[in-house]
Amino acid sequence: MNKKLIETTTKLKSFFEKNFNETTYFDEESFIVTKGSTQVLVKAENITDDHVVIDLISHVVKDANVDDNLKNFLLRANSELKFGAFGLLFDDTITFQHSILANDFSEVDLKSSINAVASVADYYDDIIVEKAGGKRALDDLNEEA
């Protein structure tokens, strides 16, 4: 882990301790925030030796019927959203992700971004489940418990 990544991860840990008491620490470098029926994973990653991004990733729906209609819906939603984008993982889990540059990130911007990603995921998860079935992140967590 390079110096910039270590600095960013240290700042993230301090940020979460101050701002999100409901945060679950996933590991030493990742943080999870639960909001509504979704969770947002926050993790810093290198993109170059001098630049780090903070990825905010929400698993929106798992086990949906990912057909052309759903893909078209997600692509159209991407074109209407002002930030972030829907995507598919290798197992067809639908995600919503947004990234910000970590160099001198603002805590206000980071908190707003976390809340915005959670809000989008929480809004769309019900729509996606209605259209294509599957389980929202919260449903999947409740089954594992």
N, C-alpha and C. Protein backbone atom coordinates (compact mmCIF):
# COMPACT_ATOMS: atom_id res chain seq x y z
N MET A 1 0.85 -1.18 0.00
CA MET A 1 0.00 0.00 0.00
C MET A 1 0.90 1.24 0.00
N ASN A 2 0.63 2.15 -0.92
CA ASN A 2 1.49 3.33 -0.99
C ASN A 2 1.05 4.41 0.00
N LYS A 3 1.88 5.43 0.12
CA LYS A 3 1.68 6.49 1.12
C LYS A 3 0.32 7.19 0.95
N LYS A 4 -0.04 7.54 -0.28
CA LYS A 4 -1.31 8.26 -0.52
C LYS A 4 -2.51 7.39 -0.12
N LEU A 5 -2.43 6.11 -0.42
CA LEU A 5 -3.53 5.20 -0.07
C LEU A 5 -3.63 5.05 1.45
N ILE A 6 -2.51 4.95 2.12
CA ILE A 6 -2.51 4.85 3.59
C ILE A 6 -3.09 6.13 4.20
N GLU A 7 -2.67 7.29 3.69
CA GLU A 7 -3.19 8.57 4.20
C GLU A 7 -4.71 8.66 4.00
N THR A 8 -5.17 8.27 2.82
CA THR A 8 -6.61 8.34 2.53
C THR A 8 -7.39 7.40 3.42
N THR A 9 -6.91 6.18 3.60
CA THR A 9 -7.59 5.20 4.45
C THR A 9 -7.65 5.69 5.90
N THR A 10 -6.59 6.32 6.37
CA THR A 10 -6.57 6.88 7.73
C THR A 10 -7.61 8.00 7.86
N LYS A 11 -7.69 8.87 6.84
CA LYS A 11 -8.69 9.94 6.86
C LYS A 11 -10.11 9.37 6.80
N LEU A 12 -10.30 8.30 6.02
CA LEU A 12 -11.61 7.67 5.94
C LEU A 12 -12.03 7.10 7.29
N LYS A 13 -11.12 6.44 7.96
CA LYS A 13 -11.44 5.86 9.27
C LYS A 13 -11.87 6.96 10.24
N SER A 14 -11.14 8.05 10.28
CA SER A 14 -11.50 9.18 11.14
C SER A 14 -12.86 9.75 10.74
N PHE A 15 -13.09 9.89 9.44
CA PHE A 15 -14.37 10.40 8.94
C PHE A 15 -15.52 9.52 9.41
N PHE A 16 -15.38 8.20 9.28
CA PHE A 16 -16.47 7.30 9.67
C PHE A 16 -16.69 7.30 11.18
N GLU A 17 -15.65 7.39 11.94
CA GLU A 17 -15.80 7.44 13.40
C GLU A 17 -16.56 8.68 13.83
N LYS A 18 -16.37 9.81 13.12
CA LYS A 18 -17.06 11.06 13.46
C LYS A 18 -18.48 11.13 12.92
N ASN A 19 -18.73 10.55 11.75
CA ASN A 19 -19.97 10.81 11.04
C ASN A 19 -20.97 9.66 10.95
N PHE A 20 -20.54 8.44 11.07
CA PHE A 20 -21.43 7.31 10.86
C PHE A 20 -21.26 6.29 11.99
N ASN A 21 -21.99 6.49 13.07
CA ASN A 21 -21.85 5.54 14.18
C ASN A 21 -22.48 4.19 13.85
N GLU A 22 -23.33 4.12 12.80
CA GLU A 22 -23.91 2.84 12.40
C GLU A 22 -23.01 2.09 11.41
N THR A 23 -21.85 2.62 11.14
CA THR A 23 -20.94 2.01 10.18
C THR A 23 -20.43 0.68 10.70
N THR A 24 -20.39 -0.28 9.81
CA THR A 24 -19.77 -1.56 10.10
C THR A 24 -18.43 -1.56 9.38
N TYR A 25 -17.36 -1.83 10.10
CA TYR A 25 -16.06 -1.91 9.46
C TYR A 25 -15.93 -3.27 8.81
N PHE A 26 -15.76 -3.27 7.52
CA PHE A 26 -15.66 -4.51 6.74
C PHE A 26 -14.29 -5.13 6.93
N ASP A 27 -13.27 -4.32 6.83
CA ASP A 27 -11.90 -4.70 7.16
C ASP A 27 -11.15 -3.40 7.45
N GLU A 28 -9.85 -3.46 7.54
CA GLU A 28 -9.09 -2.27 7.89
C GLU A 28 -9.15 -1.17 6.82
N GLU A 29 -9.53 -1.53 5.60
CA GLU A 29 -9.49 -0.56 4.50
C GLU A 29 -10.85 -0.28 3.88
N SER A 30 -11.89 -0.95 4.33
CA SER A 30 -13.23 -0.79 3.75
C SER A 30 -14.22 -0.49 4.86
N PHE A 31 -15.25 0.27 4.51
CA PHE A 31 -16.26 0.66 5.47
C PHE A 31 -17.63 0.44 4.85
N ILE A 32 -18.60 0.03 5.65
CA ILE A 32 -19.95 -0.22 5.15
C ILE A 32 -20.92 0.63 5.95
N VAL A 33 -21.81 1.32 5.22
CA VAL A 33 -22.86 2.12 5.83
C VAL A 33 -24.20 1.52 5.41
N THR A 34 -25.08 1.27 6.36
CA THR A 34 -26.41 0.76 6.07
C THR A 34 -27.39 1.92 6.11
N LYS A 35 -28.17 2.04 5.05
CA LYS A 35 -29.19 3.09 4.93
C LYS A 35 -30.42 2.47 4.29
N GLY A 36 -31.55 2.55 4.94
CA GLY A 36 -32.78 1.99 4.36
C GLY A 36 -32.59 0.51 4.07
N SER A 37 -32.90 0.11 2.84
CA SER A 37 -32.79 -1.30 2.47
C SER A 37 -31.49 -1.61 1.73
N THR A 38 -30.49 -0.75 1.88
CA THR A 38 -29.25 -0.97 1.14
C THR A 38 -28.03 -0.72 2.04
N GLN A 39 -26.89 -1.10 1.51
CA GLN A 39 -25.62 -0.82 2.14
C GLN A 39 -24.70 -0.19 1.12
N VAL A 40 -23.80 0.67 1.59
CA VAL A 40 -22.81 1.29 0.73
C VAL A 40 -21.43 0.90 1.26
N LEU A 41 -20.65 0.27 0.40
CA LEU A 41 -19.27 -0.08 0.71
C LEU A 41 -18.40 1.09 0.24
N VAL A 42 -17.53 1.56 1.12
CA VAL A 42 -16.63 2.67 0.80
C VAL A 42 -15.20 2.16 0.93
N LYS A 43 -14.43 2.35 -0.13
CA LYS A 43 -13.06 1.84 -0.13
C LYS A 43 -12.18 2.73 -1.00
N ALA A 44 -10.99 3.02 -0.51
CA ALA A 44 -10.01 3.79 -1.28
C ALA A 44 -9.15 2.84 -2.09
N GLU A 45 -8.86 3.25 -3.33
CA GLU A 45 -8.01 2.43 -4.20
C GLU A 45 -7.10 3.31 -5.02
N ASN A 46 -5.90 2.80 -5.31
CA ASN A 46 -4.97 3.51 -6.19
C ASN A 46 -5.46 3.45 -7.63
N ILE A 47 -5.34 4.57 -8.34
CA ILE A 47 -5.51 4.52 -9.79
C ILE A 47 -4.18 4.82 -10.49
N THR A 48 -3.30 5.53 -9.80
CA THR A 48 -1.91 5.71 -10.23
C THR A 48 -1.10 5.80 -8.95
N ASP A 49 0.21 5.94 -9.09
CA ASP A 49 1.05 6.08 -7.89
C ASP A 49 0.71 7.35 -7.10
N ASP A 50 0.21 8.38 -7.80
CA ASP A 50 -0.06 9.66 -7.16
C ASP A 50 -1.53 9.96 -6.92
N HIS A 51 -2.40 9.10 -7.41
CA HIS A 51 -3.84 9.39 -7.31
C HIS A 51 -4.60 8.21 -6.72
N VAL A 52 -5.51 8.54 -5.83
CA VAL A 52 -6.36 7.57 -5.16
C VAL A 52 -7.81 7.98 -5.40
N VAL A 53 -8.68 6.99 -5.61
CA VAL A 53 -10.11 7.27 -5.69
C VAL A 53 -10.79 6.60 -4.51
N ILE A 54 -11.92 7.17 -4.14
CA ILE A 54 -12.78 6.55 -3.14
C ILE A 54 -13.98 6.01 -3.89
N ASP A 55 -14.12 4.69 -3.87
CA ASP A 55 -15.25 4.03 -4.52
C ASP A 55 -16.37 3.85 -3.52
N LEU A 56 -17.58 4.17 -3.95
CA LEU A 56 -18.79 3.97 -3.15
C LEU A 56 -19.66 2.99 -3.95
N ILE A 57 -19.86 1.81 -3.42
CA ILE A 57 -20.51 0.74 -4.16
C ILE A 57 -21.66 0.18 -3.34
N SER A 58 -22.83 0.10 -3.97
CA SER A 58 -23.98 -0.51 -3.33
C SER A 58 -24.42 -1.71 -4.16
N HIS A 59 -24.58 -2.86 -3.51
CA HIS A 59 -25.20 -4.01 -4.16
C HIS A 59 -26.70 -3.78 -4.06
N VAL A 60 -27.34 -3.54 -5.18
CA VAL A 60 -28.74 -3.11 -5.20
C VAL A 60 -29.67 -4.32 -5.15
N VAL A 61 -29.52 -5.24 -6.11
CA VAL A 61 -30.38 -6.42 -6.19
C VAL A 61 -29.56 -7.62 -6.62
N LYS A 62 -29.83 -8.74 -5.99
CA LYS A 62 -29.17 -10.00 -6.30
C LYS A 62 -30.22 -10.98 -6.81
N ASP A 63 -29.83 -11.87 -7.69
CA ASP A 63 -30.70 -12.94 -8.21
C ASP A 63 -31.89 -12.45 -9.02
N ALA A 64 -31.76 -11.29 -9.66
CA ALA A 64 -32.82 -10.80 -10.55
C ALA A 64 -32.72 -11.52 -11.89
N ASN A 65 -33.79 -11.49 -12.65
CA ASN A 65 -33.80 -12.01 -14.01
C ASN A 65 -33.21 -10.92 -14.91
N VAL A 66 -31.91 -11.01 -15.19
CA VAL A 66 -31.21 -9.97 -15.93
C VAL A 66 -31.39 -10.25 -17.44
N ASP A 67 -32.46 -9.71 -17.98
CA ASP A 67 -32.74 -9.87 -19.41
C ASP A 67 -32.53 -8.54 -20.12
N ASP A 68 -32.80 -8.52 -21.43
CA ASP A 68 -32.59 -7.29 -22.20
C ASP A 68 -33.45 -6.14 -21.71
N ASN A 69 -34.67 -6.43 -21.28
CA ASN A 69 -35.55 -5.36 -20.78
C ASN A 69 -34.95 -4.69 -19.55
N LEU A 70 -34.42 -5.49 -18.63
CA LEU A 70 -33.81 -4.92 -17.43
C LEU A 70 -32.53 -4.16 -17.78
N LYS A 71 -31.73 -4.71 -18.66
CA LYS A 71 -30.50 -4.01 -19.06
C LYS A 71 -30.83 -2.66 -19.70
N ASN A 72 -31.85 -2.63 -20.55
CA ASN A 72 -32.27 -1.36 -21.16
C ASN A 72 -32.75 -0.38 -20.11
N PHE A 73 -33.51 -0.88 -19.14
CA PHE A 73 -33.99 -0.03 -18.05
C PHE A 73 -32.81 0.59 -17.29
N LEU A 74 -31.81 -0.23 -16.96
CA LEU A 74 -30.65 0.25 -16.21
C LEU A 74 -29.83 1.25 -17.02
N LEU A 75 -29.66 0.98 -18.32
CA LEU A 75 -28.92 1.93 -19.16
C LEU A 75 -29.65 3.26 -19.27
N ARG A 76 -30.96 3.22 -19.40
CA ARG A 76 -31.72 4.47 -19.47
C ARG A 76 -31.65 5.21 -18.13
N ALA A 77 -31.71 4.47 -17.04
CA ALA A 77 -31.57 5.11 -15.73
C ALA A 77 -30.20 5.77 -15.61
N ASN A 78 -29.15 5.10 -16.10
CA ASN A 78 -27.80 5.68 -16.07
C ASN A 78 -27.76 7.01 -16.81
N SER A 79 -28.48 7.09 -17.93
CA SER A 79 -28.44 8.33 -18.72
C SER A 79 -29.19 9.47 -18.03
N GLU A 80 -30.09 9.15 -17.12
CA GLU A 80 -30.86 10.17 -16.42
C GLU A 80 -30.24 10.60 -15.10
N LEU A 81 -29.43 9.72 -14.51
CA LEU A 81 -28.81 10.03 -13.22
C LEU A 81 -27.70 11.05 -13.40
N LYS A 82 -27.54 11.92 -12.43
CA LYS A 82 -26.54 12.99 -12.51
C LYS A 82 -25.15 12.55 -12.05
N PHE A 83 -25.06 11.41 -11.42
CA PHE A 83 -23.78 10.89 -10.95
C PHE A 83 -23.93 9.38 -10.81
N GLY A 84 -22.82 8.67 -10.79
CA GLY A 84 -22.85 7.24 -10.56
C GLY A 84 -23.47 6.48 -11.71
N ALA A 85 -23.43 5.15 -11.59
CA ALA A 85 -23.97 4.30 -12.65
C ALA A 85 -24.30 2.92 -12.10
N PHE A 86 -25.31 2.31 -12.72
CA PHE A 86 -25.63 0.92 -12.44
C PHE A 86 -24.65 0.04 -13.20
N GLY A 87 -24.39 -1.14 -12.66
CA GLY A 87 -23.53 -2.10 -13.32
C GLY A 87 -23.94 -3.51 -12.92
N LEU A 88 -23.30 -4.49 -13.53
CA LEU A 88 -23.54 -5.90 -13.22
C LEU A 88 -22.23 -6.55 -12.82
N LEU A 89 -22.26 -7.30 -11.72
CA LEU A 89 -21.11 -8.10 -11.33
C LEU A 89 -21.13 -9.41 -12.11
N PHE A 90 -20.09 -10.20 -11.97
CA PHE A 90 -19.97 -11.47 -12.69
C PHE A 90 -21.14 -12.41 -12.42
N ASP A 91 -21.77 -12.31 -11.26
CA ASP A 91 -22.90 -13.19 -10.92
C ASP A 91 -24.24 -12.51 -11.17
N ASP A 92 -24.25 -11.41 -11.93
CA ASP A 92 -25.43 -10.62 -12.28
C ASP A 92 -26.02 -9.85 -11.11
N THR A 93 -25.27 -9.69 -10.02
CA THR A 93 -25.71 -8.78 -8.97
C THR A 93 -25.69 -7.36 -9.54
N ILE A 94 -26.79 -6.64 -9.35
CA ILE A 94 -26.89 -5.28 -9.85
C ILE A 94 -26.30 -4.34 -8.81
N THR A 95 -25.39 -3.50 -9.26
CA THR A 95 -24.73 -2.56 -8.36
C THR A 95 -25.01 -1.13 -8.80
N PHE A 96 -24.80 -0.22 -7.85
CA PHE A 96 -24.76 1.20 -8.18
C PHE A 96 -23.46 1.72 -7.60
N GLN A 97 -22.66 2.41 -8.41
CA GLN A 97 -21.34 2.83 -7.98
C GLN A 97 -21.06 4.27 -8.40
N HIS A 98 -20.35 4.95 -7.52
CA HIS A 98 -19.88 6.31 -7.78
C HIS A 98 -18.48 6.41 -7.19
N SER A 99 -17.59 7.13 -7.85
CA SER A 99 -16.23 7.31 -7.36
C SER A 99 -15.89 8.79 -7.30
N ILE A 100 -15.09 9.15 -6.29
CA ILE A 100 -14.61 10.52 -6.18
C ILE A 100 -13.09 10.48 -6.00
N LEU A 101 -12.41 11.51 -6.50
CA LEU A 101 -10.97 11.60 -6.28
C LEU A 101 -10.71 11.84 -4.81
N ALA A 102 -9.73 11.15 -4.29
CA ALA A 102 -9.47 11.22 -2.86
C ALA A 102 -8.49 12.33 -2.48
N ASN A 103 -7.75 12.85 -3.44
CA ASN A 103 -6.78 13.89 -3.11
C ASN A 103 -7.52 15.08 -2.48
N ASP A 104 -7.29 15.30 -1.22
CA ASP A 104 -7.93 16.40 -0.49
C ASP A 104 -9.45 16.38 -0.57
N PHE A 105 -10.04 15.19 -0.39
CA PHE A 105 -11.50 15.09 -0.46
C PHE A 105 -12.15 15.88 0.68
N SER A 106 -13.31 16.40 0.39
CA SER A 106 -14.07 17.14 1.38
C SER A 106 -14.98 16.17 2.14
N GLU A 107 -15.00 16.28 3.46
CA GLU A 107 -15.87 15.42 4.25
C GLU A 107 -17.35 15.67 3.92
N VAL A 108 -17.70 16.92 3.62
CA VAL A 108 -19.08 17.25 3.25
C VAL A 108 -19.44 16.55 1.94
N ASP A 109 -18.54 16.61 0.96
CA ASP A 109 -18.80 15.95 -0.33
C ASP A 109 -18.88 14.43 -0.18
N LEU A 110 -18.01 13.87 0.64
CA LEU A 110 -18.03 12.42 0.84
C LEU A 110 -19.33 11.98 1.52
N LYS A 111 -19.73 12.70 2.56
CA LYS A 111 -20.97 12.36 3.25
C LYS A 111 -22.17 12.49 2.30
N SER A 112 -22.18 13.55 1.50
CA SER A 112 -23.26 13.74 0.52
C SER A 112 -23.25 12.61 -0.51
N SER A 113 -22.08 12.20 -0.95
CA SER A 113 -21.97 11.13 -1.94
C SER A 113 -22.46 9.80 -1.37
N ILE A 114 -22.08 9.49 -0.13
CA ILE A 114 -22.55 8.26 0.51
C ILE A 114 -24.07 8.26 0.60
N ASN A 115 -24.62 9.36 1.08
CA ASN A 115 -26.08 9.45 1.22
C ASN A 115 -26.78 9.39 -0.14
N ALA A 116 -26.19 9.99 -1.16
CA ALA A 116 -26.79 9.96 -2.49
C ALA A 116 -26.76 8.56 -3.08
N VAL A 117 -25.63 7.85 -2.96
CA VAL A 117 -25.55 6.47 -3.47
C VAL A 117 -26.57 5.60 -2.74
N ALA A 118 -26.66 5.75 -1.43
CA ALA A 118 -27.63 4.97 -0.67
C ALA A 118 -29.06 5.29 -1.09
N SER A 119 -29.34 6.56 -1.31
CA SER A 119 -30.69 6.96 -1.71
C SER A 119 -31.08 6.39 -3.07
N VAL A 120 -30.16 6.46 -4.03
CA VAL A 120 -30.44 5.92 -5.37
C VAL A 120 -30.66 4.40 -5.28
N ALA A 121 -29.78 3.71 -4.59
CA ALA A 121 -29.91 2.26 -4.46
C ALA A 121 -31.20 1.87 -3.74
N ASP A 122 -31.51 2.61 -2.67
CA ASP A 122 -32.71 2.33 -1.88
C ASP A 122 -33.98 2.61 -2.69
N TYR A 123 -33.95 3.60 -3.55
CA TYR A 123 -35.09 3.93 -4.40
C TYR A 123 -35.28 2.87 -5.50
N TYR A 124 -34.19 2.55 -6.19
CA TYR A 124 -34.30 1.66 -7.34
C TYR A 124 -34.42 0.18 -6.98
N ASP A 125 -34.00 -0.24 -5.79
CA ASP A 125 -34.05 -1.67 -5.49
C ASP A 125 -35.48 -2.22 -5.57
N ASP A 126 -36.45 -1.47 -5.05
CA ASP A 126 -37.84 -1.93 -5.10
C ASP A 126 -38.35 -1.99 -6.55
N ILE A 127 -37.98 -1.01 -7.35
CA ILE A 127 -38.41 -0.97 -8.76
C ILE A 127 -37.83 -2.16 -9.51
N ILE A 128 -36.55 -2.44 -9.29
CA ILE A 128 -35.89 -3.55 -9.98
C ILE A 128 -36.48 -4.88 -9.57
N VAL A 129 -36.72 -5.07 -8.28
CA VAL A 129 -37.31 -6.33 -7.80
C VAL A 129 -38.71 -6.51 -8.41
N GLU A 130 -39.47 -5.43 -8.50
CA GLU A 130 -40.80 -5.51 -9.11
C GLU A 130 -40.71 -5.89 -10.58
N LYS A 131 -39.73 -5.35 -11.30
CA LYS A 131 -39.56 -5.63 -12.73
C LYS A 131 -38.95 -7.00 -13.01
N ALA A 132 -37.99 -7.40 -12.19
CA ALA A 132 -37.16 -8.56 -12.55
C ALA A 132 -36.96 -9.57 -11.44
N GLY A 133 -37.65 -9.40 -10.32
CA GLY A 133 -37.46 -10.34 -9.21
C GLY A 133 -36.14 -10.10 -8.50
N GLY A 134 -35.75 -11.07 -7.70
CA GLY A 134 -34.49 -10.97 -6.97
C GLY A 134 -34.70 -10.47 -5.55
N LYS A 135 -33.58 -10.18 -4.90
CA LYS A 135 -33.58 -9.76 -3.50
C LYS A 135 -32.81 -8.47 -3.35
N ARG A 136 -33.37 -7.56 -2.56
CA ARG A 136 -32.65 -6.33 -2.21
C ARG A 136 -31.51 -6.70 -1.27
N ALA A 137 -30.56 -5.81 -1.12
CA ALA A 137 -29.41 -6.07 -0.24
C ALA A 137 -29.87 -6.43 1.17
N LEU A 138 -30.83 -5.70 1.69
CA LEU A 138 -31.32 -5.97 3.05
C LEU A 138 -31.98 -7.34 3.13
N ASP A 139 -32.75 -7.72 2.11
CA ASP A 139 -33.39 -9.03 2.09
C ASP A 139 -32.33 -10.14 2.13
N ASP A 140 -31.28 -9.96 1.34
CA ASP A 140 -30.21 -10.95 1.28
C ASP A 140 -29.49 -11.05 2.62
N LEU A 141 -29.25 -9.93 3.27
CA LEU A 141 -28.60 -9.93 4.59
C LEU A 141 -29.47 -10.62 5.63
N ASN A 142 -30.77 -10.35 5.60
CA ASN A 142 -31.68 -10.96 6.58
C ASN A 142 -31.74 -12.47 6.43
N GLU A 143 -31.62 -12.97 5.18
CA GLU A 143 -31.62 -14.41 4.96
C GLU A 143 -30.34 -15.05 5.50
N GLU A 144 -29.21 -14.33 5.42
CA GLU A 144 -27.94 -14.87 5.89
C GLU A 144 -27.87 -14.91 7.41
N ALA A 145 -28.63 -14.01 8.08
CA ALA A 145 -28.56 -13.92 9.55
C ALA A 145 -29.23 -15.08 10.24
